[in-house]
């Protein structure tokens, strides 16, 4: 079973820290632009538009830099849950 569709998706391992492996997938949505899916340890955490500052902030936040601004409350809550689960292990 494919996780995100076509074979042309590329996986880029951004950083492998103590317990979190951050991976990004570029995915073409139906009748829409290309989105970036951010996965932590192989589990999709959030979807961001493009590869700009928002993606950079999300990856930095997962790496432990909590001083960056995450403006979306739902994304911040999901990222906090991933970090909390990492600390419990």
C-alpha atoms as a PDB file:
ATOM      1  CA  UNK A   1       0.000   0.000   0.000  1.00  0.00           C
ATOM      2  CA  UNK A   2       1.382   3.384  -0.977  1.00  0.00           C
ATOM      3  CA  UNK A   3       1.319   6.094   1.618  1.00  0.00           C
ATOM      4  CA  UNK A   4       1.011   9.191  -0.568  1.00  0.00           C
ATOM      5  CA  UNK A   5       0.281   8.201  -4.143  1.00  0.00           C
ATOM      6  CA  UNK A   6       2.582   8.188  -7.163  1.00  0.00           C
ATOM      7  CA  UNK A   7       6.113   6.871  -7.440  1.00  0.00           C
ATOM      8  CA  UNK A   8       7.606  10.290  -8.164  1.00  0.00           C
ATOM      9  CA  UNK A   9       7.521  11.422  -4.519  1.00  0.00           C
ATOM     10  CA  UNK A  10      10.994  11.952  -3.108  1.00  0.00           C
ATOM     11  CA  UNK A  11      12.033  11.416   0.469  1.00  0.00           C
ATOM     12  CA  UNK A  12      14.546  13.721   2.070  1.00  0.00           C
ATOM     13  CA  UNK A  13      15.731  12.922   5.577  1.00  0.00           C
ATOM     14  CA  UNK A  14      16.225  16.331   7.093  1.00  0.00           C
ATOM     15  CA  UNK A  15      17.794  15.463  10.438  1.00  0.00           C
ATOM     16  CA  UNK A  16      18.167  12.361  12.522  1.00  0.00           C
ATOM     17  CA  UNK A  17      18.306  13.484  16.133  1.00  0.00           C
ATOM     18  CA  UNK A  18      18.057  11.457  19.322  1.00  0.00           C
ATOM     19  CA  UNK A  19      14.698   9.787  18.622  1.00  0.00           C
ATOM     20  CA  UNK A  20      12.984  11.834  15.894  1.00  0.00           C
ATOM     21  CA  UNK A  21      13.674  11.315  12.193  1.00  0.00           C
ATOM     22  CA  UNK A  22      12.136  14.222  10.270  1.00  0.00           C
ATOM     23  CA  UNK A  23      11.213  13.367   6.676  1.00  0.00           C
ATOM     24  CA  UNK A  24       9.491  15.522   4.063  1.00  0.00           C
ATOM     25  CA  UNK A  25       7.439  14.405   1.043  1.00  0.00           C
ATOM     26  CA  UNK A  26       6.362  16.619  -1.857  1.00  0.00           C
ATOM     27  CA  UNK A  27       2.810  15.627  -2.831  1.00  0.00           C
ATOM     28  CA  UNK A  28       0.618  16.905  -5.670  1.00  0.00           C
ATOM     29  CA  UNK A  29      -2.939  17.316  -4.473  1.00  0.00           C
ATOM     30  CA  UNK A  30      -5.928  16.828  -6.752  1.00  0.00           C
ATOM     31  CA  UNK A  31      -6.654  20.109  -8.605  1.00  0.00           C
ATOM     32  CA  UNK A  32      -4.277  21.977  -6.328  1.00  0.00           C
ATOM     33  CA  UNK A  33      -0.666  22.971  -5.889  1.00  0.00           C
ATOM     34  CA  UNK A  34       2.110  20.818  -4.513  1.00  0.00           C
ATOM     35  CA  UNK A  35       2.082  20.446  -0.729  1.00  0.00           C
ATOM     36  CA  UNK A  36       4.818  19.240   1.614  1.00  0.00           C
ATOM     37  CA  UNK A  37       3.992  16.529   4.143  1.00  0.00           C
ATOM     38  CA  UNK A  38       6.208  16.552   7.232  1.00  0.00           C
ATOM     39  CA  UNK A  39       6.664  13.148   8.887  1.00  0.00           C
ATOM     40  CA  UNK A  40       8.253  12.421  12.242  1.00  0.00           C
ATOM     41  CA  UNK A  41       9.479   8.838  12.592  1.00  0.00           C
ATOM     42  CA  UNK A  42       7.462   7.869   9.517  1.00  0.00           C
ATOM     43  CA  UNK A  43       4.168   9.225  10.858  1.00  0.00           C
ATOM     44  CA  UNK A  44       2.624  12.215   9.027  1.00  0.00           C
ATOM     45  CA  UNK A  45       2.443  15.173  11.400  1.00  0.00           C
ATOM     46  CA  UNK A  46       1.352  18.136   9.263  1.00  0.00           C
ATOM     47  CA  UNK A  47       0.994  19.511   5.742  1.00  0.00           C
ATOM     48  CA  UNK A  48       2.545  22.841   4.753  1.00  0.00           C
ATOM     49  CA  UNK A  49       2.410  24.835   1.524  1.00  0.00           C
ATOM     50  CA  UNK A  50       5.604  24.764  -0.497  1.00  0.00           C
ATOM     51  CA  UNK A  51       9.121  24.662   0.859  1.00  0.00           C
ATOM     52  CA  UNK A  52       9.437  28.123   2.363  1.00  0.00           C
ATOM     53  CA  UNK A  53       9.721  29.624   5.801  1.00  0.00           C
ATOM     54  CA  UNK A  54       6.810  27.666   7.284  1.00  0.00           C
ATOM     55  CA  UNK A  55       8.487  24.347   6.484  1.00  0.00           C
ATOM     56  CA  UNK A  56      11.766  25.641   7.887  1.00  0.00           C
ATOM     57  CA  UNK A  57      10.034  26.704  11.109  1.00  0.00           C
ATOM     58  CA  UNK A  58       8.298  23.333  11.495  1.00  0.00           C
ATOM     59  CA  UNK A  59      11.536  21.377  11.025  1.00  0.00           C
ATOM     60  CA  UNK A  60      13.411  23.709  13.403  1.00  0.00           C
ATOM     61  CA  UNK A  61      10.678  23.262  16.010  1.00  0.00           C
ATOM     62  CA  UNK A  62      10.921  19.468  15.744  1.00  0.00           C
ATOM     63  CA  UNK A  63      14.700  19.686  16.128  1.00  0.00           C
ATOM     64  CA  UNK A  64      14.268  21.456  19.457  1.00  0.00           C
ATOM     65  CA  UNK A  65      14.320  25.163  18.572  1.00  0.00           C
ATOM     66  CA  UNK A  66      11.150  26.252  20.381  1.00  0.00           C
ATOM     67  CA  UNK A  67      11.846  29.973  19.849  1.00  0.00           C
ATOM     68  CA  UNK A  68      10.503  29.934  16.269  1.00  0.00           C
ATOM     69  CA  UNK A  69       6.943  31.138  15.684  1.00  0.00           C
ATOM     70  CA  UNK A  70       4.362  28.542  14.662  1.00  0.00           C
ATOM     71  CA  UNK A  71       1.254  30.604  13.863  1.00  0.00           C
ATOM     72  CA  UNK A  72      -1.156  27.697  13.302  1.00  0.00           C
ATOM     73  CA  UNK A  73      -2.413  26.357  16.635  1.00  0.00           C
ATOM     74  CA  UNK A  74      -3.331  22.911  15.272  1.00  0.00           C
ATOM     75  CA  UNK A  75       0.148  22.401  13.806  1.00  0.00           C
ATOM     76  CA  UNK A  76       1.806  23.588  17.014  1.00  0.00           C
ATOM     77  CA  UNK A  77      -0.325  21.196  19.063  1.00  0.00           C
ATOM     78  CA  UNK A  78       0.638  18.259  16.792  1.00  0.00           C
ATOM     79  CA  UNK A  79       4.331  19.181  16.982  1.00  0.00           C
ATOM     80  CA  UNK A  80       4.181  19.492  20.774  1.00  0.00           C
ATOM     81  CA  UNK A  81       2.614  16.030  20.945  1.00  0.00           C
ATOM     82  CA  UNK A  82       5.444  14.546  18.855  1.00  0.00           C
ATOM     83  CA  UNK A  83       8.069  16.206  21.054  1.00  0.00           C
ATOM     84  CA  UNK A  84       6.287  15.053  24.211  1.00  0.00           C
ATOM     85  CA  UNK A  85       6.163  11.472  22.929  1.00  0.00           C
ATOM     86  CA  UNK A  86       9.898  11.645  22.132  1.00  0.00           C
ATOM     87  CA  UNK A  87      10.673  12.776  25.679  1.00  0.00           C
ATOM     88  CA  UNK A  88       8.635   9.917  27.182  1.00  0.00           C
ATOM     89  CA  UNK A  89      10.721   7.259  25.412  1.00  0.00           C
END
